[in-house]
Amino acid sequence: MKTRILLFTEEAHVAKAVARIAQKSEREGAATDTIRRATAFLRNREWDVVIADIGRHGHGFEIFNALDNGDDGIPIVVLTELGDELSQALAMANGASEVLTKAVNPEQLCEVVTQLSQRGFRA
């Protein structure tokens, strides 16, 4: 079964890059730029991993509320800007499974997604 990835980002280039990574590694996924759509995706389908792109002004942290602060057991990979230590710390405090700095290495992102999806977070 393919790993199902939900990407939450407002940056088109990040969405395209993650889509290429997913396609190359035979994963399936969806991307959204609004918390409303992300919440709908989360409600209507099971996901193995959520990738949240956290912007400099805090955009992206809403995904933690949509996931009930991690109670759903879905691992969250957070992407932050280089040097944004505050977002990195807040992401970990809110239940992020992994925090990666943009521009993220595609192989590293694939490896993290693979490791998290194999841990069996979903019931």
PDB file of N, CA and C in Angstrom:
ATOM      1  N   MET A   1       0.831  -1.172   0.000  1.00  0.00           N
ATOM      2  CA  MET A   1       0.000   0.000   0.000  1.00  0.00           C
ATOM      3  C   MET A   1       0.889   1.255   0.000  1.00  0.00           C
ATOM      4  N   LYS A   2       0.503   2.236  -0.771  1.00  0.00           N
ATOM      5  CA  LYS A   2       1.269   3.468  -0.872  1.00  0.00           C
ATOM      6  C   LYS A   2       1.116   4.310   0.385  1.00  0.00           C
ATOM      7  N   THR A   3       2.189   5.009   0.737  1.00  0.00           N
ATOM      8  CA  THR A   3       2.141   5.958   1.832  1.00  0.00           C
ATOM      9  C   THR A   3       1.337   7.165   1.391  1.00  0.00           C
ATOM     10  N   ARG A   4       0.387   7.590   2.235  1.00  0.00           N
ATOM     11  CA  ARG A   4      -0.471   8.730   1.916  1.00  0.00           C
ATOM     12  C   ARG A   4       0.023   9.959   2.658  1.00  0.00           C
ATOM     13  N   ILE A   5       0.362  11.002   1.888  1.00  0.00           N
ATOM     14  CA  ILE A   5       0.948  12.216   2.441  1.00  0.00           C
ATOM     15  C   ILE A   5       0.019  13.397   2.186  1.00  0.00           C
ATOM     16  N   LEU A   6      -0.258  14.163   3.249  1.00  0.00           N
ATOM     17  CA  LEU A   6      -1.002  15.414   3.114  1.00  0.00           C
ATOM     18  C   LEU A   6      -0.029  16.556   3.355  1.00  0.00           C
ATOM     19  N   LEU A   7       0.064  17.465   2.395  1.00  0.00           N
ATOM     20  CA  LEU A   7       0.952  18.622   2.489  1.00  0.00           C
ATOM     21  C   LEU A   7       0.123  19.871   2.716  1.00  0.00           C
ATOM     22  N   PHE A   8       0.499  20.642   3.720  1.00  0.00           N
ATOM     23  CA  PHE A   8      -0.153  21.910   4.028  1.00  0.00           C
ATOM     24  C   PHE A   8       0.873  23.022   3.824  1.00  0.00           C
ATOM     25  N   THR A   9       0.701  23.811   2.742  1.00  0.00           N
ATOM     26  CA  THR A   9       1.636  24.889   2.417  1.00  0.00           C
ATOM     27  C   THR A   9       0.936  25.958   1.598  1.00  0.00           C
ATOM     28  N   GLU A  10       1.415  27.180   1.714  1.00  0.00           N
ATOM     29  CA  GLU A  10       0.886  28.240   0.856  1.00  0.00           C
ATOM     30  C   GLU A  10       1.875  28.595  -0.255  1.00  0.00           C
ATOM     31  N   GLU A  11       2.957  27.845  -0.350  1.00  0.00           N
ATOM     32  CA  GLU A  11       3.971  28.108  -1.360  1.00  0.00           C
ATOM     33  C   GLU A  11       3.887  27.067  -2.477  1.00  0.00           C
ATOM     34  N   ALA A  12       3.571  27.536  -3.672  1.00  0.00           N
ATOM     35  CA  ALA A  12       3.385  26.631  -4.814  1.00  0.00           C
ATOM     36  C   ALA A  12       4.648  25.828  -5.112  1.00  0.00           C
ATOM     37  N   HIS A  13       5.823  26.452  -4.992  1.00  0.00           N
ATOM     38  CA  HIS A  13       7.060  25.718  -5.318  1.00  0.00           C
ATOM     39  C   HIS A  13       7.317  24.582  -4.326  1.00  0.00           C
ATOM     40  N   VAL A  14       6.912  24.751  -3.077  1.00  0.00           N
ATOM     41  CA  VAL A  14       7.060  23.674  -2.098  1.00  0.00           C
ATOM     42  C   VAL A  14       6.109  22.532  -2.451  1.00  0.00           C
ATOM     43  N   ALA A  15       4.879  22.877  -2.812  1.00  0.00           N
ATOM     44  CA  ALA A  15       3.895  21.855  -3.199  1.00  0.00           C
ATOM     45  C   ALA A  15       4.381  21.065  -4.403  1.00  0.00           C
ATOM     46  N   LYS A  16       4.932  21.756  -5.396  1.00  0.00           N
ATOM     47  CA  LYS A  16       5.431  21.067  -6.590  1.00  0.00           C
ATOM     48  C   LYS A  16       6.601  20.162  -6.251  1.00  0.00           C
ATOM     49  N   ALA A  17       7.510  20.628  -5.413  1.00  0.00           N
ATOM     50  CA  ALA A  17       8.682  19.827  -5.047  1.00  0.00           C
ATOM     51  C   ALA A  17       8.267  18.567  -4.298  1.00  0.00           C
ATOM     52  N   VAL A  18       7.346  18.698  -3.352  1.00  0.00           N
ATOM     53  CA  VAL A  18       6.893  17.530  -2.591  1.00  0.00           C
ATOM     54  C   VAL A  18       6.117  16.574  -3.496  1.00  0.00           C
ATOM     55  N   ALA A  19       5.343  17.114  -4.436  1.00  0.00           N
ATOM     56  CA  ALA A  19       4.609  16.260  -5.383  1.00  0.00           C
ATOM     57  C   ALA A  19       5.577  15.436  -6.231  1.00  0.00           C
ATOM     58  N   ARG A  20       6.667  16.057  -6.670  1.00  0.00           N
ATOM     59  CA  ARG A  20       7.679  15.316  -7.445  1.00  0.00           C
ATOM     60  C   ARG A  20       8.311  14.209  -6.603  1.00  0.00           C
ATOM     61  N   ILE A  21       8.612  14.541  -5.355  1.00  0.00           N
ATOM     62  CA  ILE A  21       9.200  13.548  -4.457  1.00  0.00           C
ATOM     63  C   ILE A  21       8.236  12.389  -4.259  1.00  0.00           C
ATOM     64  N   ALA A  22       6.974  12.697  -4.015  1.00  0.00           N
ATOM     65  CA  ALA A  22       5.965  11.650  -3.800  1.00  0.00           C
ATOM     66  C   ALA A  22       5.826  10.764  -5.023  1.00  0.00           C
ATOM     67  N   GLN A  23       5.798  11.376  -6.190  1.00  0.00           N
ATOM     68  CA  GLN A  23       5.635  10.608  -7.420  1.00  0.00           C
ATOM     69  C   GLN A  23       6.829   9.695  -7.667  1.00  0.00           C
ATOM     70  N   LYS A  24       8.032  10.209  -7.474  1.00  0.00           N
ATOM     71  CA  LYS A  24       9.235   9.411  -7.692  1.00  0.00           C
ATOM     72  C   LYS A  24       9.325   8.234  -6.725  1.00  0.00           C
ATOM     73  N   SER A  25       8.824   8.418  -5.531  1.00  0.00           N
ATOM     74  CA  SER A  25       8.941   7.364  -4.519  1.00  0.00           C
ATOM     75  C   SER A  25       7.668   6.539  -4.388  1.00  0.00           C
ATOM     76  N   GLU A  26       6.793   6.663  -5.383  1.00  0.00           N
ATOM     77  CA  GLU A  26       5.558   5.888  -5.454  1.00  0.00           C
ATOM     78  C   GLU A  26       4.690   6.063  -4.210  1.00  0.00           C
ATOM     79  N   ARG A  27       4.573   7.313  -3.777  1.00  0.00           N
ATOM     80  CA  ARG A  27       3.664   7.668  -2.693  1.00  0.00           C
ATOM     81  C   ARG A  27       2.518   8.448  -3.305  1.00  0.00           C
ATOM     82  N   GLU A  28       1.420   8.531  -2.599  1.00  0.00           N
ATOM     83  CA  GLU A  28       0.324   9.347  -3.095  1.00  0.00           C
ATOM     84  C   GLU A  28       0.073  10.469  -2.103  1.00  0.00           C
ATOM     85  N   GLY A  29      -0.466  11.556  -2.609  1.00  0.00           N
ATOM     86  CA  GLY A  29      -0.671  12.663  -1.701  1.00  0.00           C
ATOM     87  C   GLY A  29      -1.586  13.726  -2.246  1.00  0.00           C
ATOM     88  N   ALA A  30      -1.801  14.698  -1.394  1.00  0.00           N
ATOM     89  CA  ALA A  30      -2.602  15.857  -1.746  1.00  0.00           C
ATOM     90  C   ALA A  30      -1.967  17.064  -1.081  1.00  0.00           C
ATOM     91  N   ALA A  31      -2.185  18.224  -1.675  1.00  0.00           N
ATOM     92  CA  ALA A  31      -1.657  19.463  -1.121  1.00  0.00           C
ATOM     93  C   ALA A  31      -2.783  20.473  -1.006  1.00  0.00           C
ATOM     94  N   THR A  32      -2.711  21.280   0.027  1.00  0.00           N
ATOM     95  CA  THR A  32      -3.686  22.340   0.229  1.00  0.00           C
ATOM     96  C   THR A  32      -3.009  23.546   0.847  1.00  0.00           C
ATOM     97  N   ASP A  33      -3.587  24.705   0.600  1.00  0.00           N
ATOM     98  CA  ASP A  33      -3.015  25.926   1.149  1.00  0.00           C
ATOM     99  C   ASP A  33      -3.935  26.596   2.171  1.00  0.00           C
ATOM    100  N   THR A  34      -5.045  25.964   2.514  1.00  0.00           N
ATOM    101  CA  THR A  34      -5.943  26.535   3.519  1.00  0.00           C
ATOM    102  C   THR A  34      -6.233  25.506   4.606  1.00  0.00           C
ATOM    103  N   ILE A  35      -6.412  26.003   5.821  1.00  0.00           N
ATOM    104  CA  ILE A  35      -6.709  25.099   6.935  1.00  0.00           C
ATOM    105  C   ILE A  35      -8.082  24.468   6.751  1.00  0.00           C
ATOM    106  N   ARG A  36      -8.989  25.177   6.114  1.00  0.00           N
ATOM    107  CA  ARG A  36     -10.329  24.628   5.870  1.00  0.00           C
ATOM    108  C   ARG A  36     -10.253  23.366   5.004  1.00  0.00           C
ATOM    109  N   ARG A  37      -9.479  23.450   3.911  1.00  0.00           N
ATOM    110  CA  ARG A  37      -9.329  22.275   3.048  1.00  0.00           C
ATOM    111  C   ARG A  37      -8.524  21.176   3.734  1.00  0.00           C
ATOM    112  N   ALA A  38      -7.509  21.576   4.490  1.00  0.00           N
ATOM    113  CA  ALA A  38      -6.711  20.577   5.206  1.00  0.00           C
ATOM    114  C   ALA A  38      -7.588  19.805   6.190  1.00  0.00           C
ATOM    115  N   THR A  39      -8.453  20.517   6.894  1.00  0.00           N
ATOM    116  CA  THR A  39      -9.362  19.873   7.836  1.00  0.00           C
ATOM    117  C   THR A  39     -10.300  18.910   7.115  1.00  0.00           C
ATOM    118  N   ALA A  40     -10.800  19.324   5.953  1.00  0.00           N
ATOM    119  CA  ALA A  40     -11.664  18.438   5.161  1.00  0.00           C
ATOM    120  C   ALA A  40     -10.904  17.200   4.709  1.00  0.00           C
ATOM    121  N   PHE A  41      -9.689  17.377   4.228  1.00  0.00           N
ATOM    122  CA  PHE A  41      -8.869  16.227   3.833  1.00  0.00           C
ATOM    123  C   PHE A  41      -8.674  15.279   5.018  1.00  0.00           C
ATOM    124  N   LEU A  42      -8.376  15.838   6.179  1.00  0.00           N
ATOM    125  CA  LEU A  42      -8.124  15.015   7.359  1.00  0.00           C
ATOM    126  C   LEU A  42      -9.371  14.255   7.803  1.00  0.00           C
ATOM    127  N   ARG A  43     -10.509  14.864   7.636  1.00  0.00           N
ATOM    128  CA  ARG A  43     -11.770  14.254   8.051  1.00  0.00           C
ATOM    129  C   ARG A  43     -12.213  13.155   7.092  1.00  0.00           C
ATOM    130  N   ASN A  44     -11.910  13.310   5.823  1.00  0.00           N
ATOM    131  CA  ASN A  44     -12.450  12.419   4.796  1.00  0.00           C
ATOM    132  C   ASN A  44     -11.528  11.290   4.367  1.00  0.00           C
ATOM    133  N   ARG A  45     -10.336  11.232   4.927  1.00  0.00           N
ATOM    134  CA  ARG A  45      -9.396  10.213   4.474  1.00  0.00           C
ATOM    135  C   ARG A  45      -8.336   9.970   5.536  1.00  0.00           C
ATOM    136  N   GLU A  46      -7.794   8.778   5.565  1.00  0.00           N
ATOM    137  CA  GLU A  46      -6.684   8.498   6.469  1.00  0.00           C
ATOM    138  C   GLU A  46      -5.380   8.857   5.788  1.00  0.00           C
ATOM    139  N   TRP A  47      -4.497   9.479   6.549  1.00  0.00           N
ATOM    140  CA  TRP A  47      -3.184   9.892   6.047  1.00  0.00           C
ATOM    141  C   TRP A  47      -2.118   9.229   6.899  1.00  0.00           C
ATOM    142  N   ASP A  48      -1.007   8.915   6.278  1.00  0.00           N
ATOM    143  CA  ASP A  48       0.102   8.299   7.000  1.00  0.00           C
ATOM    144  C   ASP A  48       1.051   9.346   7.573  1.00  0.00           C
ATOM    145  N   VAL A  49       1.203  10.451   6.859  1.00  0.00           N
ATOM    146  CA  VAL A  49       2.112  11.525   7.274  1.00  0.00           C
ATOM    147  C   VAL A  49       1.531  12.855   6.811  1.00  0.00           C
ATOM    148  N   VAL A  50       1.658  13.877   7.662  1.00  0.00           N
ATOM    149  CA  VAL A  50       1.308  15.241   7.283  1.00  0.00           C
ATOM    150  C   VAL A  50       2.597  16.041   7.235  1.00  0.00           C
ATOM    151  N   ILE A  51       2.778  16.799   6.147  1.00  0.00           N
ATOM    152  CA  ILE A  51       3.917  17.712   6.035  1.00  0.00           C
ATOM    153  C   ILE A  51       3.344  19.122   6.108  1.00  0.00           C
ATOM    154  N   ALA A  52       3.809  19.897   7.085  1.00  0.00           N
ATOM    155  CA  ALA A  52       3.323  21.269   7.270  1.00  0.00           C
ATOM    156  C   ALA A  52       4.464  22.243   7.042  1.00  0.00           C
ATOM    157  N   ASP A  53       4.270  23.126   6.094  1.00  0.00           N
ATOM    158  CA  ASP A  53       5.244  24.165   5.775  1.00  0.00           C
ATOM    159  C   ASP A  53       4.900  25.385   6.635  1.00  0.00           C
ATOM    160  N   ILE A  54       5.741  25.666   7.626  1.00  0.00           N
ATOM    161  CA  ILE A  54       5.488  26.771   8.546  1.00  0.00           C
ATOM    162  C   ILE A  54       6.157  28.028   8.009  1.00  0.00           C
ATOM    163  N   GLY A  55       5.350  29.052   7.754  1.00  0.00           N
ATOM    164  CA  GLY A  55       5.873  30.317   7.235  1.00  0.00           C
ATOM    165  C   GLY A  55       6.412  31.200   8.338  1.00  0.00           C
ATOM    166  N   ARG A  56       7.119  32.221   7.943  1.00  0.00           N
ATOM    167  CA  ARG A  56       7.731  33.152   8.893  1.00  0.00           C
ATOM    168  C   ARG A  56       6.723  33.829   9.816  1.00  0.00           C
ATOM    169  N   HIS A  57       5.506  34.008   9.371  1.00  0.00           N
ATOM    170  CA  HIS A  57       4.509  34.696  10.182  1.00  0.00           C
ATOM    171  C   HIS A  57       3.585  33.716  10.899  1.00  0.00           C
ATOM    172  N   GLY A  58       4.035  32.488  11.058  1.00  0.00           N
ATOM    173  CA  GLY A  58       3.271  31.508  11.810  1.00  0.00           C
ATOM    174  C   GLY A  58       2.248  30.726  11.011  1.00  0.00           C
ATOM    175  N   HIS A  59       2.107  31.039   9.703  1.00  0.00           N
ATOM    176  CA  HIS A  59       1.172  30.266   8.896  1.00  0.00           C
ATOM    177  C   HIS A  59       1.611  28.811   8.906  1.00  0.00           C
ATOM    178  N   GLY A  60       0.684  27.952   9.156  1.00  0.00           N
ATOM    179  CA  GLY A  60       0.981  26.527   9.159  1.00  0.00           C
ATOM    180  C   GLY A  60       0.743  25.871  10.498  1.00  0.00           C
ATOM    181  N   PHE A  61       0.866  26.634  11.575  1.00  0.00           N
ATOM    182  CA  PHE A  61       0.651  26.043  12.895  1.00  0.00           C
ATOM    183  C   PHE A  61      -0.797  25.618  13.118  1.00  0.00           C
ATOM    184  N   GLU A  62      -1.714  26.131  12.313  1.00  0.00           N
ATOM    185  CA  GLU A  62      -3.121  25.755  12.440  1.00  0.00           C
ATOM    186  C   GLU A  62      -3.334  24.253  12.257  1.00  0.00           C
ATOM    187  N   ILE A  63      -2.437  23.614  11.540  1.00  0.00           N
ATOM    188  CA  ILE A  63      -2.579  22.185  11.269  1.00  0.00           C
ATOM    189  C   ILE A  63      -2.558  21.377  12.569  1.00  0.00           C
ATOM    190  N   PHE A  64      -1.840  21.868  13.582  1.00  0.00           N
ATOM    191  CA  PHE A  64      -1.807  21.149  14.857  1.00  0.00           C
ATOM    192  C   PHE A  64      -3.180  21.136  15.517  1.00  0.00           C
ATOM    193  N   ASN A  65      -3.917  22.234  15.404  1.00  0.00           N
ATOM    194  CA  ASN A  65      -5.276  22.273  15.942  1.00  0.00           C
ATOM    195  C   ASN A  65      -6.193  21.345  15.154  1.00  0.00           C
ATOM    196  N   ALA A  66      -6.027  21.311  13.841  1.00  0.00           N
ATOM    197  CA  ALA A  66      -6.846  20.425  13.004  1.00  0.00           C
ATOM    198  C   ALA A  66      -6.598  18.960  13.353  1.00  0.00           C
ATOM    199  N   LEU A  67      -5.409  18.664  13.812  1.00  0.00           N
ATOM    200  CA  LEU A  67      -5.058  17.297  14.200  1.00  0.00           C
ATOM    201  C   LEU A  67      -5.278  17.050  15.686  1.00  0.00           C
ATOM    202  N   ASP A  68      -5.934  17.982  16.365  1.00  0.00           N
ATOM    203  CA  ASP A  68      -6.155  17.857  17.815  1.00  0.00           C
ATOM    204  C   ASP A  68      -4.840  17.691  18.554  1.00  0.00           C
ATOM    205  N   ASN A  69      -3.853  18.502  18.149  1.00  0.00           N
ATOM    206  CA  ASN A  69      -2.533  18.493  18.784  1.00  0.00           C
ATOM    207  C   ASN A  69      -1.877  17.117  18.799  1.00  0.00           C
ATOM    208  N   GLY A  70      -2.054  16.397  17.708  1.00  0.00           N
ATOM    209  CA  GLY A  70      -1.376  15.113  17.576  1.00  0.00           C
ATOM    210  C   GLY A  70      -2.146  13.930  18.103  1.00  0.00           C
ATOM    211  N   ASP A  71      -3.360  14.140  18.646  1.00  0.00           N
ATOM    212  CA  ASP A  71      -4.122  13.027  19.208  1.00  0.00           C
ATOM    213  C   ASP A  71      -4.508  11.989  18.168  1.00  0.00           C
ATOM    214  N   ASP A  72      -4.523  12.374  16.895  1.00  0.00           N
ATOM    215  CA  ASP A  72      -4.893  11.431  15.844  1.00  0.00           C
ATOM    216  C   ASP A  72      -3.778  10.430  15.566  1.00  0.00           C
ATOM    217  N   GLY A  73      -2.610  10.662  16.080  1.00  0.00           N
ATOM    218  CA  GLY A  73      -1.510   9.749  15.870  1.00  0.00           C
ATOM    219  C   GLY A  73      -0.854   9.852  14.506  1.00  0.00           C
ATOM    220  N   ILE A  74      -1.152  10.904  13.773  1.00  0.00           N
ATOM    221  CA  ILE A  74      -0.533  11.089  12.459  1.00  0.00           C
ATOM    222  C   ILE A  74       0.771  11.852  12.656  1.00  0.00           C
ATOM    223  N   PRO A  75       1.885  11.294  12.216  1.00  0.00           N
ATOM    224  CA  PRO A  75       3.145  12.014  12.365  1.00  0.00           C
ATOM    225  C   PRO A  75       3.149  13.279  11.498  1.00  0.00           C
ATOM    226  N   ILE A  76       3.754  14.328  12.038  1.00  0.00           N
ATOM    227  CA  ILE A  76       3.816  15.611  11.350  1.00  0.00           C
ATOM    228  C   ILE A  76       5.267  15.981  11.115  1.00  0.00           C
ATOM    229  N   VAL A  77       5.597  16.218   9.840  1.00  0.00           N
ATOM    230  CA  VAL A  77       6.908  16.729   9.466  1.00  0.00           C
ATOM    231  C   VAL A  77       6.728  18.214   9.204  1.00  0.00           C
ATOM    232  N   VAL A  78       7.488  19.034   9.902  1.00  0.00           N
ATOM    233  CA  VAL A  78       7.388  20.479   9.751  1.00  0.00           C
ATOM    234  C   VAL A  78       8.587  20.979   8.955  1.00  0.00           C
ATOM    235  N   LEU A  79       8.295  21.826   7.978  1.00  0.00           N
ATOM    236  CA  LEU A  79       9.335  22.492   7.192  1.00  0.00           C
ATOM    237  C   LEU A  79       9.398  23.945   7.650  1.00  0.00           C
ATOM    238  N   THR A  80      10.588  24.419   8.025  1.00  0.00           N
ATOM    239  CA  THR A  80      10.749  25.804   8.467  1.00  0.00           C
ATOM    240  C   THR A  80      11.846  26.484   7.666  1.00  0.00           C
ATOM    241  N   GLU A  81      11.863  27.808   7.766  1.00  0.00           N
ATOM    242  CA  GLU A  81      12.904  28.594   7.124  1.00  0.00           C
ATOM    243  C   GLU A  81      14.214  28.418   7.878  1.00  0.00           C
ATOM    244  N   LEU A  82      15.315  28.548   7.172  1.00  0.00           N
ATOM    245  CA  LEU A  82      16.637  28.505   7.782  1.00  0.00           C
ATOM    246  C   LEU A  82      16.746  29.618   8.817  1.00  0.00           C
ATOM    247  N   GLY A  83      17.193  29.281  10.009  1.00  0.00           N
ATOM    248  CA  GLY A  83      17.386  30.273  11.055  1.00  0.00           C
ATOM    249  C   GLY A  83      16.141  30.615  11.848  1.00  0.00           C
ATOM    250  N   ASP A  84      15.033  29.947  11.583  1.00  0.00           N
ATOM    251  CA  ASP A  84      13.792  30.227  12.295  1.00  0.00           C
ATOM    252  C   ASP A  84      13.679  29.286  13.498  1.00  0.00           C
ATOM    253  N   GLU A  85      14.525  29.542  14.496  1.00  0.00           N
ATOM    254  CA  GLU A  85      14.581  28.678  15.672  1.00  0.00           C
ATOM    255  C   GLU A  85      13.273  28.695  16.463  1.00  0.00           C
ATOM    256  N   LEU A  86      12.578  29.829  16.493  1.00  0.00           N
ATOM    257  CA  LEU A  86      11.322  29.916  17.228  1.00  0.00           C
ATOM    258  C   LEU A  86      10.281  28.952  16.648  1.00  0.00           C
ATOM    259  N   SER A  87      10.127  28.955  15.327  1.00  0.00           N
ATOM    260  CA  SER A  87       9.178  28.030  14.696  1.00  0.00           C
ATOM    261  C   SER A  87       9.581  26.589  14.929  1.00  0.00           C
ATOM    262  N   GLN A  88      10.876  26.319  14.884  1.00  0.00           N
ATOM    263  CA  GLN A  88      11.347  24.956  15.121  1.00  0.00           C
ATOM    264  C   GLN A  88      10.992  24.497  16.533  1.00  0.00           C
ATOM    265  N   ALA A  89      11.218  25.357  17.513  1.00  0.00           N
ATOM    266  CA  ALA A  89      10.912  25.009  18.904  1.00  0.00           C
ATOM    267  C   ALA A  89       9.406  24.858  19.117  1.00  0.00           C
ATOM    268  N   LEU A  90       8.623  25.775  18.554  1.00  0.00           N
ATOM    269  CA  LEU A  90       7.170  25.692  18.689  1.00  0.00           C
ATOM    270  C   LEU A  90       6.611  24.435  18.020  1.00  0.00           C
ATOM    271  N   ALA A  91       7.182  24.076  16.884  1.00  0.00           N
ATOM    272  CA  ALA A  91       6.719  22.868  16.187  1.00  0.00           C
ATOM    273  C   ALA A  91       6.935  21.633  17.052  1.00  0.00           C
ATOM    274  N   MET A  92       8.102  21.521  17.649  1.00  0.00           N
ATOM    275  CA  MET A  92       8.380  20.360  18.501  1.00  0.00           C
ATOM    276  C   MET A  92       7.495  20.380  19.747  1.00  0.00           C
ATOM    277  N   ALA A  93       7.264  21.559  20.307  1.00  0.00           N
ATOM    278  CA  ALA A  93       6.413  21.672  21.493  1.00  0.00           C
ATOM    279  C   ALA A  93       4.957  21.312  21.183  1.00  0.00           C
ATOM    280  N   ASN A  94       4.542  21.520  19.930  1.00  0.00           N
ATOM    281  CA  ASN A  94       3.169  21.220  19.526  1.00  0.00           C
ATOM    282  C   ASN A  94       2.989  19.788  19.027  1.00  0.00           C
ATOM    283  N   GLY A  95       4.045  19.006  19.022  1.00  0.00           N
ATOM    284  CA  GLY A  95       3.898  17.601  18.674  1.00  0.00           C
ATOM    285  C   GLY A  95       4.460  17.183  17.329  1.00  0.00           C
ATOM    286  N   ALA A  96       5.283  18.020  16.712  1.00  0.00           N
ATOM    287  CA  ALA A  96       5.897  17.624  15.439  1.00  0.00           C
ATOM    288  C   ALA A  96       6.779  16.400  15.658  1.00  0.00           C
ATOM    289  N   SER A  97       6.740  15.495  14.706  1.00  0.00           N
ATOM    290  CA  SER A  97       7.582  14.299  14.764  1.00  0.00           C
ATOM    291  C   SER A  97       8.992  14.600  14.297  1.00  0.00           C
ATOM    292  N   GLU A  98       9.094  15.545  13.368  1.00  0.00           N
ATOM    293  CA  GLU A  98      10.392  15.905  12.770  1.00  0.00           C
ATOM    294  C   GLU A  98      10.296  17.334  12.264  1.00  0.00           C
ATOM    295  N   VAL A  99      11.391  18.075  12.373  1.00  0.00           N
ATOM    296  CA  VAL A  99      11.474  19.432  11.830  1.00  0.00           C
ATOM    297  C   VAL A  99      12.649  19.471  10.867  1.00  0.00           C
ATOM    298  N   LEU A 100      12.369  19.895   9.633  1.00  0.00           N
ATOM    299  CA  LEU A 100      13.406  20.013   8.610  1.00  0.00           C
ATOM    300  C   LEU A 100      13.472  21.465   8.143  1.00  0.00           C
ATOM    301  N   THR A 101      14.668  21.895   7.776  1.00  0.00           N
ATOM    302  CA  THR A 101      14.870  23.264   7.315  1.00  0.00           C
ATOM    303  C   THR A 101      14.813  23.309   5.797  1.00  0.00           C
ATOM    304  N   LYS A 102      14.074  24.317   5.268  1.00  0.00           N
ATOM    305  CA  LYS A 102      14.031  24.521   3.813  1.00  0.00           C
ATOM    306  C   LYS A 102      15.315  25.223   3.398  1.00  0.00           C
ATOM    307  N   ALA A 103      15.815  24.981   2.262  1.00  0.00           N
ATOM    308  CA  ALA A 103      15.378  24.067   1.228  1.00  0.00           C
ATOM    309  C   ALA A 103      15.805  22.657   1.613  1.00  0.00           C
ATOM    310  N   VAL A 104      14.794  21.841   1.815  1.00  0.00           N
ATOM    311  CA  VAL A 104      15.035  20.495   2.310  1.00  0.00           C
ATOM    312  C   VAL A 104      15.588  19.607   1.199  1.00  0.00           C
ATOM    313  N   ASN A 105      16.490  18.747   1.578  1.00  0.00           N
ATOM    314  CA  ASN A 105      17.056  17.773   0.665  1.00  0.00           C
ATOM    315  C   ASN A 105      15.975  16.734   0.358  1.00  0.00           C
ATOM    316  N   PRO A 106      15.638  16.517  -0.915  1.00  0.00           N
ATOM    317  CA  PRO A 106      14.564  15.568  -1.262  1.00  0.00           C
ATOM    318  C   PRO A 106      14.786  14.161  -0.715  1.00  0.00           C
ATOM    319  N   GLU A 107      16.027  13.688  -0.739  1.00  0.00           N
ATOM    320  CA  GLU A 107      16.304  12.352  -0.223  1.00  0.00           C
ATOM    321  C   GLU A 107      16.066  12.286   1.281  1.00  0.00           C
ATOM    322  N   GLN A 108      16.425  13.365   1.985  1.00  0.00           N
ATOM    323  CA  GLN A 108      16.203  13.414   3.427  1.00  0.00           C
ATOM    324  C   GLN A 108      14.710  13.401   3.737  1.00  0.00           C
ATOM    325  N   LEU A 109      13.927  14.170   2.995  1.00  0.00           N
ATOM    326  CA  LEU A 109      12.485  14.196   3.203  1.00  0.00           C
ATOM    327  C   LEU A 109      11.871  12.823   2.934  1.00  0.00           C
ATOM    328  N   CYS A 110      12.287  12.171   1.869  1.00  0.00           N
ATOM    329  CA  CYS A 110      11.799  10.819   1.565  1.00  0.00           C
ATOM    330  C   CYS A 110      12.130   9.859   2.699  1.00  0.00           C
ATOM    331  N   GLU A 111      13.337   9.931   3.200  1.00  0.00           N
ATOM    332  CA  GLU A 111      13.765   9.041   4.282  1.00  0.00           C
ATOM    333  C   GLU A 111      12.936   9.273   5.543  1.00  0.00           C
ATOM    334  N   VAL A 112      12.704  10.533   5.886  1.00  0.00           N
ATOM    335  CA  VAL A 112      11.912  10.857   7.073  1.00  0.00           C
ATOM    336  C   VAL A 112      10.484  10.336   6.910  1.00  0.00           C
ATOM    337  N   VAL A 113       9.879  10.573   5.751  1.00  0.00           N
ATOM    338  CA  VAL A 113       8.510  10.107   5.498  1.00  0.00           C
ATOM    339  C   VAL A 113       8.449   8.581   5.583  1.00  0.00           C
ATOM    340  N   THR A 114       9.421   7.914   5.008  1.00  0.00           N
ATOM    341  CA  THR A 114       9.462   6.452   5.060  1.00  0.00           C
ATOM    342  C   THR A 114       9.559   5.962   6.496  1.00  0.00           C
ATOM    343  N   GLN A 115      10.471   6.530   7.266  1.00  0.00           N
ATOM    344  CA  GLN A 115      10.645   6.107   8.654  1.00  0.00           C
ATOM    345  C   GLN A 115       9.377   6.319   9.470  1.00  0.00           C
ATOM    346  N   LEU A 116       8.762   7.496   9.319  1.00  0.00           N
ATOM    347  CA  LEU A 116       7.563   7.792  10.105  1.00  0.00           C
ATOM    348  C   LEU A 116       6.385   6.915   9.698  1.00  0.00           C
ATOM    349  N   SER A 117       6.240   6.660   8.412  1.00  0.00           N
ATOM    350  CA  SER A 117       5.108   5.844   7.960  1.00  0.00           C
ATOM    351  C   SER A 117       5.270   4.383   8.370  1.00  0.00           C
ATOM    352  N   GLN A 118       6.494   3.944   8.543  1.00  0.00           N
ATOM    353  CA  GLN A 118       6.739   2.545   8.934  1.00  0.00           C
ATOM    354  C   GLN A 118       6.606   2.318  10.435  1.00  0.00           C
ATOM    355  N   ARG A 119       6.575   3.375  11.196  1.00  0.00           N
ATOM    356  CA  ARG A 119       6.460   3.229  12.655  1.00  0.00           C
ATOM    357  C   ARG A 119       5.079   2.796  13.102  1.00  0.00           C
ATOM    358  N   GLY A 120       4.092   2.901  12.186  1.00  0.00           N
ATOM    359  CA  GLY A 120       2.762   2.429  12.527  1.00  0.00           C
ATOM    360  C   GLY A 120       2.017   3.324  13.494  1.00  0.00           C
ATOM    361  N   PHE A 121       2.048   4.632  13.238  1.00  0.00           N
ATOM    362  CA  PHE A 121       1.354   5.565  14.114  1.00  0.00           C
ATOM    363  C   PHE A 121      -0.155   5.384  14.059  1.00  0.00           C
ATOM    364  N   ARG A 122      -0.701   4.997  12.920  1.00  0.00           N
ATOM    365  CA  ARG A 122      -2.152   4.859  12.774  1.00  0.00           C
ATOM    366  C   ARG A 122      -2.608   3.543  13.384  1.00  0.00           C
ATOM    367  N   ALA A 123      -3.774   3.573  13.955  1.00  0.00           N
ATOM    368  CA  ALA A 123      -4.329   2.346  14.547  1.00  0.00           C
ATOM    369  C   ALA A 123      -4.927   1.468  13.484  1.00  0.00           C
TER     370      ALA A 123
END
